[in-house]
Protein backbone atom coordinates (compact mmCIF):
# COMPACT_ATOMS: atom_id res chain seq x y z
CA MET A 1 89.52 121.31 140.46
CA SER A 2 91.90 119.25 138.34
CA THR A 3 94.95 120.69 136.65
CA PRO A 4 94.60 120.78 132.87
CA LEU A 5 96.50 118.04 131.10
CA THR A 6 99.71 119.29 129.52
CA LEU A 7 101.71 118.11 126.56
CA LYS A 8 104.62 117.51 128.94
CA ARG A 9 102.56 115.19 131.14
CA MET A 10 101.22 113.33 128.12
CA ARG A 11 104.78 112.81 126.87
CA GLN A 12 105.88 111.60 130.32
CA ASP A 13 102.96 109.17 130.59
CA ILE A 14 103.62 107.73 127.13
CA ALA A 15 107.35 107.43 127.80
CA ALA A 16 106.74 105.65 131.10
CA MET A 17 104.39 103.20 129.42
CA LEU A 18 106.97 102.47 126.71
CA HIS A 19 109.92 102.43 129.14
CA GLU A 20 111.54 105.28 127.21
CA ASP A 21 112.98 108.67 128.12
CA PRO A 22 110.37 111.42 127.59
CA GLN A 23 112.76 113.43 125.43
CA ASP A 24 112.89 110.48 123.02
CA ILE A 25 109.14 110.76 122.32
CA LEU A 26 108.74 113.36 119.58
CA ASP A 27 105.48 115.08 118.66
CA ASP A 28 105.39 113.45 115.23
CA ASP A 29 106.55 109.94 116.17
CA ASN A 30 104.13 107.18 115.21
CA LEU A 31 103.31 105.85 118.68
CA ILE A 32 102.07 102.53 117.31
CA ASP A 33 105.46 101.99 115.66
CA LEU A 34 107.08 102.75 119.03
CA GLY A 35 105.08 99.94 120.65
CA LEU A 36 101.93 101.59 121.96
CA ASP A 37 99.13 99.06 121.45
CA SER A 38 95.38 99.56 121.79
CA MET A 39 95.26 98.40 125.42
CA ARG A 40 97.87 100.98 126.37
CA VAL A 41 96.01 103.67 124.44
CA MET A 42 92.83 102.77 126.38
CA THR A 43 94.77 103.03 129.63
CA LEU A 44 96.10 106.46 128.68
CA ALA A 45 92.65 107.67 127.60
CA THR A 46 91.19 106.59 130.94
CA ARG A 47 94.03 108.14 132.94
CA TRP A 48 93.77 111.43 131.08
CA ARG A 49 89.97 111.56 131.33
CA GLU A 50 90.30 111.02 135.08
CA ALA A 51 92.69 114.00 135.09
CA GLY A 52 89.97 116.07 133.42
CA ALA A 53 91.00 115.83 129.77
CA PRO A 54 88.08 115.62 127.33
CA ILE A 55 89.41 112.70 125.27
CA GLU A 56 87.95 109.37 124.20
CA PHE A 57 89.72 106.22 123.11
CA SER A 58 87.94 106.33 119.74
CA GLU A 59 89.41 109.78 119.03
CA MET A 60 92.88 108.66 120.05
CA ALA A 61 92.65 105.53 117.91
CA SER A 62 91.99 107.62 114.81
CA VAL A 63 95.42 109.32 114.95
CA VAL A 64 98.87 108.01 115.85
CA THR A 65 101.11 110.82 117.10
CA LEU A 66 101.45 112.73 120.35
CA GLY A 67 101.07 115.99 118.43
CA GLN A 68 97.75 114.84 117.00
CA TRP A 69 96.50 113.71 120.41
CA TRP A 70 97.51 117.05 121.90
CA SER A 71 95.62 118.89 119.13
CA LEU A 72 92.47 116.88 119.94
CA ILE A 73 92.73 117.76 123.63
CA GLU A 74 93.52 121.43 123.02
CA ARG A 75 90.58 121.78 120.65
CA ALA A 76 88.21 120.08 123.10
CA GLN A 77 89.45 122.21 126.01
CA GLN A 78 88.97 125.40 123.97
CA ASN A 79 85.44 124.33 123.05
CA GLY A 80 84.61 123.76 126.71
CA ARG A 81 84.08 120.06 126.27
């Protein structure tokens, strides 16, 4: 059984991809403005799906902040998706 994806892990994964400190990635930062391109978003979506998170690239592409991504995942997890 996989461990549910956490906001902390998401922040760490994004920070590692951007070569930033996790504490510098705020929930409402525009991740595209920070340098996260579509290929990196696809990589994160795949990584998080493999960890058991019910998230698709198309959902992630429709919003641009960590807080919004976390809301998508929380909602999907609560709905048993």
